[in-house]
């Protein structure tokens, strides 16, 4: 995940540099779309990690943990929908 974040950080710096150079709007928009895609990929990866963590918790703690895990999963999914 850290690698993805560093790549996104580099892409954002690249856009800043493009703007400083006076690159065309089209070129900048293409790079911004790439950044959005990279962020989406990171969101999906983080969501997968959260699902794994919640499933492990339910398996380890049994039924009492299931309700809380389901609620946590709904909250995480809600954050993905807003992005």
Protein backbone atom coordinates (compact mmCIF):
# COMPACT_ATOMS: atom_id res chain seq x y z
CA UNK A 1 0.00 0.00 0.00
CA UNK A 2 2.82 2.36 0.80
CA UNK A 3 4.16 1.86 -2.71
CA UNK A 4 0.79 2.84 -4.18
CA UNK A 5 0.66 5.96 -2.03
CA UNK A 6 4.15 6.98 -3.07
CA UNK A 7 3.23 6.48 -6.72
CA UNK A 8 0.14 8.66 -6.27
CA UNK A 9 2.26 11.26 -4.50
CA UNK A 10 4.64 11.29 -7.48
CA UNK A 11 1.74 11.63 -9.90
CA UNK A 12 0.39 14.63 -7.99
CA UNK A 13 3.83 16.26 -8.01
CA UNK A 14 3.97 15.56 -11.74
CA UNK A 15 0.67 17.37 -12.29
CA UNK A 16 1.96 20.35 -10.33
CA UNK A 17 5.06 20.38 -12.51
CA UNK A 18 2.90 20.14 -15.64
CA UNK A 19 0.89 23.16 -14.52
CA UNK A 20 4.08 25.10 -13.82
CA UNK A 21 5.28 24.24 -17.35
CA UNK A 22 2.02 25.43 -18.89
CA UNK A 23 1.08 22.02 -20.31
CA UNK A 24 -2.29 21.74 -22.00
CA UNK A 25 -5.47 21.20 -20.04
CA UNK A 26 -6.00 17.93 -21.89
CA UNK A 27 -2.63 16.58 -20.77
CA UNK A 28 -3.29 17.59 -17.16
CA UNK A 29 -6.77 16.06 -17.20
CA UNK A 30 -5.37 12.75 -18.47
CA UNK A 31 -2.94 12.68 -15.55
CA UNK A 32 -5.68 13.59 -13.07
CA UNK A 33 -7.77 10.69 -14.40
CA UNK A 34 -4.77 8.41 -13.83
CA UNK A 35 -4.50 9.69 -10.25
CA UNK A 36 -8.20 9.01 -9.68
CA UNK A 37 -7.72 5.48 -10.98
CA UNK A 38 -4.74 4.94 -8.70
CA UNK A 39 -6.71 6.21 -5.70
CA UNK A 40 -9.62 3.94 -6.59
CA UNK A 41 -7.25 0.97 -6.73
CA UNK A 42 -5.89 1.88 -3.31
CA UNK A 43 -9.42 2.17 -1.93
CA UNK A 44 -10.25 -1.29 -3.23
CA UNK A 45 -7.09 -2.72 -1.71
CA UNK A 46 -7.81 -1.13 1.67
CA UNK A 47 -11.40 -2.35 1.56
CA UNK A 48 -10.15 -5.89 0.88
CA UNK A 49 -7.82 -5.69 3.87
CA UNK A 50 -10.73 -4.51 6.03
CA UNK A 51 -12.95 -7.37 4.84
CA UNK A 52 -10.20 -9.86 5.67
CA UNK A 53 -9.75 -8.32 9.12
CA UNK A 54 -13.48 -8.45 9.87
CA UNK A 55 -13.84 -12.06 8.66
CA UNK A 56 -10.91 -13.08 10.85
CA UNK A 57 -12.57 -11.34 13.81
CA UNK A 58 -15.85 -13.16 13.24
CA UNK A 59 -14.12 -16.53 12.87
CA UNK A 60 -12.03 -15.92 15.99
CA UNK A 61 -14.76 -14.45 18.22
CA UNK A 62 -17.82 -16.23 16.83
CA UNK A 63 -21.34 -14.95 16.57
CA UNK A 64 -21.07 -12.02 19.03
CA UNK A 65 -18.54 -10.34 16.75
CA UNK A 66 -20.62 -10.80 13.60
CA UNK A 67 -23.05 -7.95 14.19
CA UNK A 68 -20.27 -5.47 14.89
CA UNK A 69 -18.26 -6.72 11.92
CA UNK A 70 -21.21 -6.35 9.59
CA UNK A 71 -21.80 -2.79 10.81
CA UNK A 72 -18.10 -1.97 10.36
CA UNK A 73 -18.24 -3.38 6.84
CA UNK A 74 -21.29 -1.25 6.00
CA UNK A 75 -19.46 1.86 7.22
CA UNK A 76 -16.39 1.03 5.13
CA UNK A 77 -18.52 0.33 2.05
CA UNK A 78 -20.33 3.63 2.59
CA UNK A 79 -17.03 5.47 2.40
CA UNK A 80 -16.25 3.79 -0.92
CA UNK A 81 -19.62 4.83 -2.36
CA UNK A 82 -18.98 8.49 -1.53
CA UNK A 83 -15.63 8.61 -3.29
